[in-house]
Amino acid sequence: MSIALSFAGRHLVGYNVIDCEVRDREFLYLLLREDYTQHKGWNDSKDPPSEGRLSKRAVSLNLSNEDQKKWGSMSLKGLQRSMCAMAFAPERKLVVIDNDSFAWVHSNSTDGFEGEIESQFKGGILRGSVLKIRGFGDEAICSSNGRDVLRRRSVGHWERIGPQLPYEFTAETAGDFGFNDFDCFSPNDLYAVGGLSDVWHFDGTNWRQCAFPTNTGPSSVCCTVDGLVYISVGAGWVYRGSGDRWKLIHKGDYTLPFKDMVWYEGKVWCSSDYGLWTIEGEKLTEADVPPAVKICSGNLATRDGVLLVAGYGGAAFKRDGEWTVIFHDHEARDLASKPK
C-alpha cells in the first residue's frame, strides 16, 4: 500500500497527474487534470471535452503529518493546459498558471485566482501562450512562445526579465520562435530555449541569441553547478555547452521529447511520459531506478534534497538516498471500483 492511500482516494480518483512541485523536504504538490476517459459511458468514438471544461486539482501531501491528515486538495475550474511552481516572496505560495496566463495562487493566507497576465493586445506585456513555469530563488518565472520570460513580483503583477526580444508572428514563422523552457545559474545568468534553435542567454542586462548547431526544436534545458548547460532537442538528442559553443553528446530516437530536465545528486535527470534518464558528463543512460518508480515518469521537480517524479502512472520521490512510491494510478482506480 502506498502512502496513506486509503485517505487519498477522494483527492486522486478520476484524475491524472500533469505536473508536480516540491515545497520542502516534507511537503509535496501534485497538479492533477480530470481524466475524461474515466467518465461513465465514455468511449473513444466520442469527442473529448474542451480543455477548459476539465477540472484541475492541486493536491498536497504533508509527509510529516499523521496518515489521516497527510492529504489535501483544492479544485480549480476553468483553466486551460496548466502547470505549477513554488514562489517564496513575499510569502511561500504555490502558483498554478495555464497557457492562457490565468494564475491561481495558494498560500497560508489566501487561495484564489489572480486573473491573467495581460497580453500586448490589451496593453500588457505578454506575447503568445505560457509554455513553462519554474521557481527560482524566491520567485516564480514563466516563459511563452512569444519570446517572453516573465517574473511574478507581487499579487497579479508580472514583469519582463530584460528588454523585449524581437518577435514577428506570421503564419509562415509560427513555431520558429518562442521559449519552451528556461533555466538559470543565477538571476543574471539565464538560458531560454525553444522554437527552431531559438536559444538565448540573459546576462543580467541584455539578451543575446546563441549560435546553435541544429534547427530541430529544443524542448528542455538544464543549467548545472559545474557551469555547463544541457539542451534536449527533438526526441532525445542532447547538446552540452554554453554561449555559442555546443557539443552533441547523445543521439536519441525516443517516442517523445524530454519534458523536464533537472540537476539532482550530481547528475542531470531527464523525463518524458515514457521514461526516465540521467546524464553524467557526456553519457546519457536509462535511470537506475526501481520499476515501481519508472512507471511514474512524466514530470520532475527538485528542492531541499528531494527529487519528485510524477506522471500518468503515479508519483514517487527520492530523499536521503531512498525511493518512496507515493501512489500508482492503478491503485487509485482500484479504490474507485470498490463498493462504498
C-alpha atoms as a PDB file:
ATOM      1  CA  MET A   1       0.000   0.000   0.000  1.00  0.00           C
ATOM      2  CA  SER A   2       1.342   3.432  -0.950  1.00  0.00           C
ATOM      3  CA  ILE A   3       1.445   6.476   1.328  1.00  0.00           C
ATOM      4  CA  ALA A   4      -1.830   6.643   3.304  1.00  0.00           C
ATOM      5  CA  LEU A   5      -3.646   5.703   0.107  1.00  0.00           C
ATOM      6  CA  SER A   6      -6.884   4.839   1.888  1.00  0.00           C
ATOM      7  CA  PHE A   7      -7.124   8.538   2.816  1.00  0.00           C
ATOM      8  CA  ALA A   8      -6.021   9.779  -0.634  1.00  0.00           C
ATOM      9  CA  GLY A   9      -8.719   8.283  -2.799  1.00  0.00           C
ATOM     10  CA  ARG A  10     -11.093  11.247  -2.826  1.00  0.00           C
ATOM     11  CA  HIS A  11      -8.214  13.500  -3.884  1.00  0.00           C
ATOM     12  CA  LEU A  12      -6.827  11.284  -6.659  1.00  0.00           C
ATOM     13  CA  VAL A  13      -9.646   9.210  -8.137  1.00  0.00           C
ATOM     14  CA  GLY A  14     -10.726  10.276 -11.618  1.00  0.00           C
ATOM     15  CA  TYR A  15      -7.668  12.446 -12.265  1.00  0.00           C
ATOM     16  CA  ASN A  16      -4.210  12.226 -13.896  1.00  0.00           C
ATOM     17  CA  VAL A  17      -1.014  13.948 -12.735  1.00  0.00           C
ATOM     18  CA  ILE A  18       0.088  16.705 -15.150  1.00  0.00           C
ATOM     19  CA  ASP A  19       2.749  18.494 -13.070  1.00  0.00           C
ATOM     20  CA  CYS A  20       4.407  18.425  -9.656  1.00  0.00           C
ATOM     21  CA  GLU A  21       6.372  20.615  -7.261  1.00  0.00           C
ATOM     22  CA  VAL A  22       8.439  20.317  -4.076  1.00  0.00           C
ATOM     23  CA  ARG A  23       7.819  22.921  -1.382  1.00  0.00           C
ATOM     24  CA  ASP A  24      10.361  21.430   1.001  1.00  0.00           C
ATOM     25  CA  ARG A  25      11.565  18.008   2.088  1.00  0.00           C
ATOM     26  CA  GLU A  26       8.317  17.333   3.977  1.00  0.00           C
ATOM     27  CA  PHE A  27       5.697  18.902   1.687  1.00  0.00           C
ATOM     28  CA  LEU A  28       4.915  17.992  -1.924  1.00  0.00           C
ATOM     29  CA  TYR A  29       2.358  19.136  -4.504  1.00  0.00           C
ATOM     30  CA  LEU A  30       0.750  17.269  -7.397  1.00  0.00           C
ATOM     31  CA  LEU A  31      -1.214  19.104 -10.081  1.00  0.00           C
ATOM     32  CA  LEU A  32      -3.996  16.919 -11.486  1.00  0.00           C
ATOM     33  CA  ARG A  33      -6.303  17.061 -14.507  1.00  0.00           C
ATOM     34  CA  GLU A  34      -9.724  15.420 -14.754  1.00  0.00           C
ATOM     35  CA  ASP A  35      -9.470  12.164 -16.738  1.00  0.00           C
ATOM     36  CA  TYR A  36     -12.496  12.236 -19.037  1.00  0.00           C
ATOM     37  CA  THR A  37     -11.783   8.659 -20.171  1.00  0.00           C
ATOM     38  CA  GLN A  38     -12.946   7.560 -16.716  1.00  0.00           C
ATOM     39  CA  HIS A  39     -16.339   9.231 -17.143  1.00  0.00           C
ATOM     40  CA  LYS A  40     -19.243   6.802 -17.028  1.00  0.00           C
ATOM     41  CA  GLY A  41     -20.195   5.693 -20.520  1.00  0.00           C
ATOM     42  CA  TRP A  42     -17.074   7.153 -22.175  1.00  0.00           C
ATOM     43  CA  ASN A  43     -15.755   5.531 -25.355  1.00  0.00           C
ATOM     44  CA  ASP A  44     -13.172   6.616 -27.887  1.00  0.00           C
ATOM     45  CA  SER A  45     -15.771   7.342 -30.544  1.00  0.00           C
ATOM     46  CA  LYS A  46     -16.837  10.447 -28.613  1.00  0.00           C
ATOM     47  CA  ASP A  47     -15.218  13.860 -28.949  1.00  0.00           C
ATOM     48  CA  PRO A  48     -13.185  14.774 -25.838  1.00  0.00           C
ATOM     49  CA  PRO A  49     -14.374  17.717 -23.722  1.00  0.00           C
ATOM     50  CA  SER A  50     -12.647  21.048 -24.272  1.00  0.00           C
ATOM     51  CA  GLU A  51      -9.658  21.621 -22.006  1.00  0.00           C
ATOM     52  CA  GLY A  52     -11.356  24.480 -20.159  1.00  0.00           C
ATOM     53  CA  ARG A  53     -14.211  22.196 -19.092  1.00  0.00           C
ATOM     54  CA  LEU A  54     -11.860  19.701 -17.443  1.00  0.00           C
ATOM     55  CA  SER A  55     -11.361  20.362 -13.750  1.00  0.00           C
ATOM     56  CA  LYS A  56      -7.827  20.753 -12.396  1.00  0.00           C
ATOM     57  CA  ARG A  57      -6.860  19.905  -8.831  1.00  0.00           C
ATOM     58  CA  ALA A  58      -3.915  20.976  -6.654  1.00  0.00           C
ATOM     59  CA  VAL A  59      -3.177  18.080  -4.289  1.00  0.00           C
ATOM     60  CA  SER A  60      -0.892  18.466  -1.280  1.00  0.00           C
ATOM     61  CA  LEU A  61       0.998  15.744   0.582  1.00  0.00           C
ATOM     62  CA  ASN A  62       2.427  16.576   4.015  1.00  0.00           C
ATOM     63  CA  LEU A  63       4.796  13.710   4.789  1.00  0.00           C
ATOM     64  CA  SER A  64       5.219  14.758   8.424  1.00  0.00           C
ATOM     65  CA  ASN A  65       1.506  14.549   9.267  1.00  0.00           C
ATOM     66  CA  GLU A  66      -0.314  11.513  10.588  1.00  0.00           C
ATOM     67  CA  ASP A  67      -1.962   9.416   7.879  1.00  0.00           C
ATOM     68  CA  GLN A  68      -5.440  10.920   8.284  1.00  0.00           C
ATOM     69  CA  LYS A  69      -4.037  14.418   7.702  1.00  0.00           C
ATOM     70  CA  LYS A  70      -1.369  13.784   5.062  1.00  0.00           C
ATOM     71  CA  TRP A  71      -3.525  14.610   2.023  1.00  0.00           C
ATOM     72  CA  GLY A  72      -5.409  17.709   0.949  1.00  0.00           C
ATOM     73  CA  SER A  73      -6.721  19.145  -2.316  1.00  0.00           C
ATOM     74  CA  MET A  74      -8.190  22.251  -3.922  1.00  0.00           C
ATOM     75  CA  SER A  75     -10.365  22.212  -7.030  1.00  0.00           C
ATOM     76  CA  LEU A  76      -9.655  24.648  -9.881  1.00  0.00           C
ATOM     77  CA  LYS A  77     -12.237  25.327 -12.580  1.00  0.00           C
ATOM     78  CA  GLY A  78     -11.977  26.927 -15.998  1.00  0.00           C
ATOM     79  CA  LEU A  79      -8.241  26.576 -16.576  1.00  0.00           C
ATOM     80  CA  GLN A  80      -6.675  25.550 -19.874  1.00  0.00           C
ATOM     81  CA  ARG A  81      -3.497  23.428 -20.004  1.00  0.00           C
ATOM     82  CA  SER A  82      -1.922  24.066 -16.613  1.00  0.00           C
ATOM     83  CA  MET A  83       1.421  23.909 -14.819  1.00  0.00           C
ATOM     84  CA  CYS A  84       2.755  24.888 -11.377  1.00  0.00           C
ATOM     85  CA  ALA A  85       5.764  26.250  -9.471  1.00  0.00           C
ATOM     86  CA  MET A  86       6.693  27.459  -5.987  1.00  0.00           C
ATOM     87  CA  ALA A  87       7.452  31.062  -5.039  1.00  0.00           C
ATOM     88  CA  PHE A  88       8.653  32.237  -1.612  1.00  0.00           C
ATOM     89  CA  ALA A  89       8.490  36.036  -1.574  1.00  0.00           C
ATOM     90  CA  PRO A  90       6.838  37.915  -0.020  1.00  0.00           C
ATOM     91  CA  GLU A  91       5.333  34.675   1.351  1.00  0.00           C
ATOM     92  CA  ARG A  92       5.520  30.993   0.478  1.00  0.00           C
ATOM     93  CA  LYS A  93       2.986  30.032  -2.209  1.00  0.00           C
ATOM     94  CA  LEU A  94       2.122  27.583  -4.964  1.00  0.00           C
ATOM     95  CA  VAL A  95       1.450  29.278  -8.304  1.00  0.00           C
ATOM     96  CA  VAL A  96      -0.674  27.454 -10.891  1.00  0.00           C
ATOM     97  CA  ILE A  97      -0.887  29.048 -14.337  1.00  0.00           C
ATOM     98  CA  ASP A  98      -2.486  27.944 -17.591  1.00  0.00           C
ATOM     99  CA  ASN A  99      -1.335  28.582 -21.144  1.00  0.00           C
ATOM    100  CA  ASP A 100      -3.791  31.494 -21.387  1.00  0.00           C
ATOM    101  CA  SER A 101      -1.852  33.041 -18.437  1.00  0.00           C
ATOM    102  CA  PHE A 102      -4.633  32.807 -15.841  1.00  0.00           C
ATOM    103  CA  ALA A 103      -2.965  32.274 -12.462  1.00  0.00           C
ATOM    104  CA  TRP A 104      -4.225  30.723  -9.237  1.00  0.00           C
ATOM    105  CA  VAL A 105      -2.227  31.005  -6.023  1.00  0.00           C
ATOM    106  CA  HIS A 106      -2.317  29.029  -2.769  1.00  0.00           C
ATOM    107  CA  SER A 107      -0.543  30.268   0.369  1.00  0.00           C
ATOM    108  CA  ASN A 108      -1.074  30.178   4.122  1.00  0.00           C
ATOM    109  CA  SER A 109      -3.090  33.383   3.920  1.00  0.00           C
ATOM    110  CA  THR A 110      -5.072  33.067   0.700  1.00  0.00           C
ATOM    111  CA  ASP A 111      -6.320  30.836  -2.104  1.00  0.00           C
ATOM    112  CA  GLY A 112      -7.692  32.247  -5.303  1.00  0.00           C
ATOM    113  CA  PHE A 113      -7.366  33.398  -8.873  1.00  0.00           C
ATOM    114  CA  GLU A 114      -5.226  36.412  -9.696  1.00  0.00           C
ATOM    115  CA  GLY A 115      -6.546  36.876 -13.210  1.00  0.00           C
ATOM    116  CA  GLU A 116      -4.386  36.845 -16.319  1.00  0.00           C
ATOM    117  CA  ILE A 117      -1.091  38.341 -17.357  1.00  0.00           C
ATOM    118  CA  GLU A 118      -2.427  40.908 -19.788  1.00  0.00           C
ATOM    119  CA  SER A 119      -1.378  40.450 -23.388  1.00  0.00           C
ATOM    120  CA  GLN A 120       0.173  43.138 -25.532  1.00  0.00           C
ATOM    121  CA  PHE A 121      -3.171  43.372 -27.353  1.00  0.00           C
ATOM    122  CA  LYS A 122      -4.708  44.633 -24.095  1.00  0.00           C
ATOM    123  CA  GLY A 123      -1.868  46.981 -23.256  1.00  0.00           C
ATOM    124  CA  GLY A 124       0.065  44.380 -21.248  1.00  0.00           C
ATOM    125  CA  ILE A 125       3.383  42.654 -21.777  1.00  0.00           C
ATOM    126  CA  LEU A 126       2.614  39.011 -22.608  1.00  0.00           C
ATOM    127  CA  ARG A 127       3.068  37.769 -26.171  1.00  0.00           C
ATOM    128  CA  GLY A 128       1.662  34.366 -27.030  1.00  0.00           C
ATOM    129  CA  SER A 129       0.854  31.436 -24.740  1.00  0.00           C
ATOM    130  CA  VAL A 130       2.572  30.482 -21.491  1.00  0.00           C
ATOM    131  CA  LEU A 131       4.566  27.281 -22.044  1.00  0.00           C
ATOM    132  CA  LYS A 132       6.532  26.823 -18.810  1.00  0.00           C
ATOM    133  CA  ILE A 133       6.685  27.992 -15.201  1.00  0.00           C
ATOM    134  CA  ARG A 134       9.528  27.273 -12.801  1.00  0.00           C
ATOM    135  CA  GLY A 135      10.528  28.523  -9.367  1.00  0.00           C
ATOM    136  CA  PHE A 136      13.961  30.135  -8.888  1.00  0.00           C
ATOM    137  CA  GLY A 137      15.066  31.505  -5.557  1.00  0.00           C
ATOM    138  CA  ASP A 138      12.070  33.367  -4.171  1.00  0.00           C
ATOM    139  CA  GLU A 139      10.294  33.953  -7.493  1.00  0.00           C
ATOM    140  CA  ALA A 140       8.066  32.135  -9.957  1.00  0.00           C
ATOM    141  CA  ILE A 141       9.165  32.708 -13.552  1.00  0.00           C
ATOM    142  CA  CYS A 142       7.283  31.773 -16.726  1.00  0.00           C
ATOM    143  CA  SER A 143       8.060  31.733 -20.439  1.00  0.00           C
ATOM    144  CA  SER A 144       5.922  31.980 -23.573  1.00  0.00           C
ATOM    145  CA  ASN A 145       6.042  31.124 -27.258  1.00  0.00           C
ATOM    146  CA  GLY A 146       6.353  34.866 -27.915  1.00  0.00           C
ATOM    147  CA  ARG A 147       9.962  35.008 -26.621  1.00  0.00           C
ATOM    148  CA  ASP A 148       8.855  36.236 -23.202  1.00  0.00           C
ATOM    149  CA  VAL A 149      10.439  35.424 -19.853  1.00  0.00           C
ATOM    150  CA  LEU A 150       8.432  36.991 -17.009  1.00  0.00           C
ATOM    151  CA  ARG A 151       8.787  37.043 -13.225  1.00  0.00           C
ATOM    152  CA  ARG A 152       5.955  37.310 -10.702  1.00  0.00           C
ATOM    153  CA  ARG A 153       6.745  40.314  -8.485  1.00  0.00           C
ATOM    154  CA  SER A 154       3.571  40.566  -6.381  1.00  0.00           C
ATOM    155  CA  VAL A 155      -0.105  39.620  -6.417  1.00  0.00           C
ATOM    156  CA  GLY A 156      -1.210  39.600 -10.044  1.00  0.00           C
ATOM    157  CA  HIS A 157       1.853  41.578 -11.159  1.00  0.00           C
ATOM    158  CA  TRP A 158       4.412  40.138 -13.586  1.00  0.00           C
ATOM    159  CA  GLU A 159       7.319  41.923 -15.234  1.00  0.00           C
ATOM    160  CA  ARG A 160       9.548  41.112 -18.184  1.00  0.00           C
ATOM    161  CA  ILE A 161      13.099  39.965 -17.469  1.00  0.00           C
ATOM    162  CA  GLY A 162      15.418  42.162 -19.511  1.00  0.00           C
ATOM    163  CA  PRO A 163      14.459  44.067 -22.648  1.00  0.00           C
ATOM    164  CA  GLN A 164      11.750  42.856 -25.005  1.00  0.00           C
ATOM    165  CA  LEU A 165      13.118  40.491 -27.640  1.00  0.00           C
ATOM    166  CA  PRO A 166      12.419  40.913 -31.358  1.00  0.00           C
ATOM    167  CA  TYR A 167       9.490  38.810 -32.497  1.00  0.00           C
ATOM    168  CA  GLU A 168       7.220  38.959 -35.529  1.00  0.00           C
ATOM    169  CA  PHE A 169       4.438  36.405 -35.651  1.00  0.00           C
ATOM    170  CA  THR A 170       3.115  35.375 -39.042  1.00  0.00           C
ATOM    171  CA  ALA A 171       1.599  32.183 -40.408  1.00  0.00           C
ATOM    172  CA  GLU A 172       4.968  31.446 -42.013  1.00  0.00           C
ATOM    173  CA  THR A 173       7.023  31.954 -38.842  1.00  0.00           C
ATOM    174  CA  ALA A 174       4.673  30.177 -36.400  1.00  0.00           C
ATOM    175  CA  GLY A 175       6.759  27.685 -34.430  1.00  0.00           C
ATOM    176  CA  ASP A 176      10.093  29.217 -35.424  1.00  0.00           C
ATOM    177  CA  PHE A 177      10.406  31.251 -32.219  1.00  0.00           C
ATOM    178  CA  GLY A 178       9.476  31.065 -28.556  1.00  0.00           C
ATOM    179  CA  PHE A 179      10.607  29.516 -25.296  1.00  0.00           C
ATOM    180  CA  ASN A 180       9.500  26.007 -24.361  1.00  0.00           C
ATOM    181  CA  ASP A 181      11.781  26.017 -21.320  1.00  0.00           C
ATOM    182  CA  PHE A 182      14.395  28.015 -19.430  1.00  0.00           C
ATOM    183  CA  ASP A 183      16.864  27.575 -16.589  1.00  0.00           C
ATOM    184  CA  CYS A 184      19.382  29.738 -14.799  1.00  0.00           C
ATOM    185  CA  PHE A 185      22.616  29.721 -12.847  1.00  0.00           C
ATOM    186  CA  SER A 186      21.548  32.967 -11.152  1.00  0.00           C
ATOM    187  CA  PRO A 187      19.096  35.828 -11.835  1.00  0.00           C
ATOM    188  CA  ASN A 188      21.828  37.357 -14.009  1.00  0.00           C
ATOM    189  CA  ASP A 189      22.726  34.210 -15.947  1.00  0.00           C
ATOM    190  CA  LEU A 190      19.722  32.621 -17.659  1.00  0.00           C
ATOM    191  CA  TYR A 191      19.132  30.461 -20.753  1.00  0.00           C
ATOM    192  CA  ALA A 192      15.817  30.182 -22.622  1.00  0.00           C
ATOM    193  CA  VAL A 193      15.200  27.696 -25.439  1.00  0.00           C
ATOM    194  CA  GLY A 194      12.525  26.679 -27.935  1.00  0.00           C
ATOM    195  CA  GLY A 195      11.258  27.253 -31.447  1.00  0.00           C
ATOM    196  CA  LEU A 196      13.651  26.097 -34.147  1.00  0.00           C
ATOM    197  CA  SER A 197      17.085  26.509 -32.496  1.00  0.00           C
ATOM    198  CA  ASP A 198      15.799  29.591 -30.634  1.00  0.00           C
ATOM    199  CA  VAL A 199      18.443  29.679 -27.878  1.00  0.00           C
ATOM    200  CA  TRP A 200      19.066  32.901 -25.919  1.00  0.00           C
ATOM    201  CA  HIS A 201      21.229  33.932 -22.968  1.00  0.00           C
ATOM    202  CA  PHE A 202      20.487  36.727 -20.469  1.00  0.00           C
ATOM    203  CA  ASP A 203      23.483  38.281 -18.680  1.00  0.00           C
ATOM    204  CA  GLY A 204      21.583  40.406 -16.168  1.00  0.00           C
ATOM    205  CA  THR A 205      21.224  43.340 -18.556  1.00  0.00           C
ATOM    206  CA  ASN A 206      20.739  42.123 -22.106  1.00  0.00           C
ATOM    207  CA  TRP A 207      19.632  39.069 -24.054  1.00  0.00           C
ATOM    208  CA  ARG A 208      21.852  37.616 -26.779  1.00  0.00           C
ATOM    209  CA  GLN A 209      20.881  34.934 -29.278  1.00  0.00           C
ATOM    210  CA  CYS A 210      23.287  31.999 -29.175  1.00  0.00           C
ATOM    211  CA  ALA A 211      24.541  30.171 -32.220  1.00  0.00           C
ATOM    212  CA  PHE A 212      23.104  26.662 -32.002  1.00  0.00           C
ATOM    213  CA  PRO A 213      24.084  23.789 -34.314  1.00  0.00           C
ATOM    214  CA  THR A 214      20.659  22.434 -35.286  1.00  0.00           C
ATOM    215  CA  ASN A 215      17.293  23.740 -36.443  1.00  0.00           C
ATOM    216  CA  THR A 216      15.375  20.996 -34.637  1.00  0.00           C
ATOM    217  CA  GLY A 217      13.331  22.480 -31.792  1.00  0.00           C
ATOM    218  CA  PRO A 218      14.780  22.394 -28.260  1.00  0.00           C
ATOM    219  CA  SER A 219      12.292  21.066 -25.706  1.00  0.00           C
ATOM    220  CA  SER A 220      14.073  21.472 -22.343  1.00  0.00           C
ATOM    221  CA  VAL A 221      17.197  22.903 -20.739  1.00  0.00           C
ATOM    222  CA  CYS A 222      19.186  22.414 -17.536  1.00  0.00           C
ATOM    223  CA  CYS A 223      21.922  24.617 -16.041  1.00  0.00           C
ATOM    224  CA  THR A 224      24.262  22.643 -13.779  1.00  0.00           C
ATOM    225  CA  VAL A 225      26.501  23.503 -10.855  1.00  0.00           C
ATOM    226  CA  ASP A 226      29.605  22.837 -12.965  1.00  0.00           C
ATOM    227  CA  GLY A 227      28.725  25.816 -15.186  1.00  0.00           C
ATOM    228  CA  LEU A 228      27.508  23.803 -18.176  1.00  0.00           C
ATOM    229  CA  VAL A 229      24.166  23.872 -19.956  1.00  0.00           C
ATOM    230  CA  TYR A 230      22.358  20.799 -21.295  1.00  0.00           C
ATOM    231  CA  ILE A 231      19.715  21.241 -24.017  1.00  0.00           C
ATOM    232  CA  SER A 232      17.484  18.424 -25.240  1.00  0.00           C
ATOM    233  CA  VAL A 233      16.409  18.571 -28.874  1.00  0.00           C
ATOM    234  CA  GLY A 234      13.793  16.582 -30.740  1.00  0.00           C
ATOM    235  CA  ALA A 235      13.120  13.124 -29.323  1.00  0.00           C
ATOM    236  CA  GLY A 236      16.310  12.538 -27.376  1.00  0.00           C
ATOM    237  CA  TRP A 237      19.271  14.401 -28.854  1.00  0.00           C
ATOM    238  CA  VAL A 238      21.245  16.249 -26.178  1.00  0.00           C
ATOM    239  CA  TYR A 239      23.760  19.081 -26.545  1.00  0.00           C
ATOM    240  CA  ARG A 240      26.139  20.317 -23.841  1.00  0.00           C
ATOM    241  CA  GLY A 241      27.970  23.638 -23.715  1.00  0.00           C
ATOM    242  CA  SER A 242      27.299  27.357 -23.218  1.00  0.00           C
ATOM    243  CA  GLY A 243      27.191  30.564 -25.222  1.00  0.00           C
ATOM    244  CA  ASP A 244      27.984  29.750 -28.856  1.00  0.00           C
ATOM    245  CA  ARG A 245      29.870  26.517 -28.182  1.00  0.00           C
ATOM    246  CA  TRP A 246      27.815  23.306 -28.139  1.00  0.00           C
ATOM    247  CA  LYS A 247      28.689  19.645 -28.464  1.00  0.00           C
ATOM    248  CA  LEU A 248      26.276  16.859 -29.382  1.00  0.00           C
ATOM    249  CA  ILE A 249      26.698  14.231 -26.648  1.00  0.00           C
ATOM    250  CA  HIS A 250      23.759  11.923 -27.354  1.00  0.00           C
ATOM    251  CA  LYS A 251      21.696  10.912 -30.393  1.00  0.00           C
ATOM    252  CA  GLY A 252      18.403   9.506 -29.157  1.00  0.00           C
ATOM    253  CA  ASP A 253      15.444   8.085 -31.004  1.00  0.00           C
ATOM    254  CA  TYR A 254      12.725   8.073 -28.369  1.00  0.00           C
ATOM    255  CA  THR A 255       8.961   8.235 -28.755  1.00  0.00           C
ATOM    256  CA  LEU A 256       8.636  11.627 -27.039  1.00  0.00           C
ATOM    257  CA  PRO A 257      10.925  14.608 -26.354  1.00  0.00           C
ATOM    258  CA  PHE A 258      12.137  15.217 -22.820  1.00  0.00           C
ATOM    259  CA  LYS A 259       9.557  17.179 -20.842  1.00  0.00           C
ATOM    260  CA  ASP A 260      11.744  18.172 -17.872  1.00  0.00           C
ATOM    261  CA  MET A 261      15.477  18.269 -17.079  1.00  0.00           C
ATOM    262  CA  VAL A 262      16.721  18.949 -13.531  1.00  0.00           C
ATOM    263  CA  TRP A 263      20.009  18.725 -11.612  1.00  0.00           C
ATOM    264  CA  TYR A 264      19.978  16.332  -8.661  1.00  0.00           C
ATOM    265  CA  GLU A 265      22.716  14.395  -6.824  1.00  0.00           C
ATOM    266  CA  GLY A 266      25.462  15.423  -9.243  1.00  0.00           C
ATOM    267  CA  LYS A 267      23.704  14.466 -12.470  1.00  0.00           C
ATOM    268  CA  VAL A 268      21.056  15.678 -14.903  1.00  0.00           C
ATOM    269  CA  TRP A 269      17.718  13.862 -14.733  1.00  0.00           C
ATOM    270  CA  CYS A 270      15.519  13.808 -17.852  1.00  0.00           C
ATOM    271  CA  SER A 271      11.917  12.686 -18.152  1.00  0.00           C
ATOM    272  CA  SER A 272       9.100  12.071 -20.592  1.00  0.00           C
ATOM    273  CA  ASP A 273       5.813  10.253 -20.163  1.00  0.00           C
ATOM    274  CA  TYR A 274       7.600   7.118 -21.352  1.00  0.00           C
ATOM    275  CA  GLY A 275      10.809   7.104 -19.360  1.00  0.00           C
ATOM    276  CA  LEU A 276      13.430   8.486 -17.014  1.00  0.00           C
ATOM    277  CA  TRP A 277      17.104   9.034 -17.880  1.00  0.00           C
ATOM    278  CA  THR A 278      20.247  10.508 -16.309  1.00  0.00           C
ATOM    279  CA  ILE A 279      23.265  12.294 -17.777  1.00  0.00           C
ATOM    280  CA  GLU A 280      26.677  12.153 -16.134  1.00  0.00           C
ATOM    281  CA  GLY A 281      29.330  14.054 -18.038  1.00  0.00           C
ATOM    282  CA  GLU A 282      28.692  13.179 -21.671  1.00  0.00           C
ATOM    283  CA  LYS A 283      26.870   9.895 -21.082  1.00  0.00           C
ATOM    284  CA  LEU A 284      23.076   9.546 -21.121  1.00  0.00           C
ATOM    285  CA  THR A 285      21.645   6.290 -19.788  1.00  0.00           C
ATOM    286  CA  GLU A 286      18.308   4.966 -18.631  1.00  0.00           C
ATOM    287  CA  ALA A 287      17.904   5.919 -14.972  1.00  0.00           C
ATOM    288  CA  ASP A 288      18.800   3.214 -12.470  1.00  0.00           C
ATOM    289  CA  VAL A 289      15.548   3.303 -10.526  1.00  0.00           C
ATOM    290  CA  PRO A 290      13.132   0.606  -9.338  1.00  0.00           C
ATOM    291  CA  PRO A 291      10.439  -0.393 -11.884  1.00  0.00           C
ATOM    292  CA  ALA A 292       7.804   0.958  -9.487  1.00  0.00           C
ATOM    293  CA  VAL A 293       9.417   4.408  -9.833  1.00  0.00           C
ATOM    294  CA  LYS A 294       9.932   4.252 -13.600  1.00  0.00           C
ATOM    295  CA  ILE A 295       6.206   3.877 -14.271  1.00  0.00           C
ATOM    296  CA  CYS A 296       5.684   7.253 -12.549  1.00  0.00           C
ATOM    297  CA  SER A 297       7.757   9.045 -15.219  1.00  0.00           C
ATOM    298  CA  GLY A 298       6.467  12.280 -16.686  1.00  0.00           C
ATOM    299  CA  ASN A 299       7.327  15.410 -14.701  1.00  0.00           C
ATOM    300  CA  LEU A 300      10.255  16.268 -12.431  1.00  0.00           C
ATOM    301  CA  ALA A 301      10.725  18.700  -9.534  1.00  0.00           C
ATOM    302  CA  THR A 302      13.530  19.089  -7.038  1.00  0.00           C
ATOM    303  CA  ARG A 303      14.202  21.208  -3.965  1.00  0.00           C
ATOM    304  CA  ASP A 304      15.619  20.791  -0.466  1.00  0.00           C
ATOM    305  CA  GLY A 305      17.266  17.424  -1.195  1.00  0.00           C
ATOM    306  CA  VAL A 306      14.142  15.840  -2.713  1.00  0.00           C
ATOM    307  CA  LEU A 307      13.546  14.628  -6.279  1.00  0.00           C
ATOM    308  CA  LEU A 308       9.868  14.207  -7.167  1.00  0.00           C
ATOM    309  CA  VAL A 309       8.806  12.141 -10.201  1.00  0.00           C
ATOM    310  CA  ALA A 310       5.135  12.237 -11.201  1.00  0.00           C
ATOM    311  CA  GLY A 311       3.046  11.387 -14.256  1.00  0.00           C
ATOM    312  CA  TYR A 312       0.080   9.427 -15.549  1.00  0.00           C
ATOM    313  CA  GLY A 313       1.375   6.275 -13.858  1.00  0.00           C
ATOM    314  CA  GLY A 314       1.589   7.793 -10.373  1.00  0.00           C
ATOM    315  CA  ALA A 315       4.189   9.559  -8.242  1.00  0.00           C
ATOM    316  CA  ALA A 316       7.366   8.771  -6.283  1.00  0.00           C
ATOM    317  CA  PHE A 317      10.181  10.694  -4.615  1.00  0.00           C
ATOM    318  CA  LYS A 318      13.803  10.226  -3.615  1.00  0.00           C
ATOM    319  CA  ARG A 319      15.095  11.592  -0.326  1.00  0.00           C
ATOM    320  CA  ASP A 320      18.206  10.705   1.696  1.00  0.00           C
ATOM    321  CA  GLY A 321      19.181   8.134  -0.933  1.00  0.00           C
ATOM    322  CA  GLU A 322      15.909   6.178  -0.817  1.00  0.00           C
ATOM    323  CA  TRP A 323      12.965   5.984  -3.214  1.00  0.00           C
ATOM    324  CA  THR A 324       9.400   6.047  -1.897  1.00  0.00           C
ATOM    325  CA  VAL A 325       6.354   5.379  -4.079  1.00  0.00           C
ATOM    326  CA  ILE A 326       3.548   7.816  -3.254  1.00  0.00           C
ATOM    327  CA  PHE A 327       0.895   6.034  -5.296  1.00  0.00           C
ATOM    328  CA  HIS A 328       0.303   4.215  -8.563  1.00  0.00           C
ATOM    329  CA  ASP A 329      -2.560   5.132 -10.858  1.00  0.00           C
ATOM    330  CA  HIS A 330      -3.912   1.584 -10.907  1.00  0.00           C
ATOM    331  CA  GLU A 331      -4.191   1.716  -7.098  1.00  0.00           C
ATOM    332  CA  ALA A 332      -6.330   4.858  -7.293  1.00  0.00           C
ATOM    333  CA  ARG A 333      -8.536   3.227  -9.933  1.00  0.00           C
ATOM    334  CA  ASP A 334      -8.922   0.162  -7.716  1.00  0.00           C
ATOM    335  CA  LEU A 335     -10.121   2.421  -4.893  1.00  0.00           C
ATOM    336  CA  ALA A 336     -12.743   3.899  -7.194  1.00  0.00           C
ATOM    337  CA  SER A 337     -14.072   0.464  -8.147  1.00  0.00           C
ATOM    338  CA  LYS A 338     -14.507  -0.749  -4.557  1.00  0.00           C
ATOM    339  CA  PRO A 339     -18.078  -0.640  -3.165  1.00  0.00           C
ATOM    340  CA  LYS A 340     -18.669   2.204  -0.739  1.00  0.00           C
END
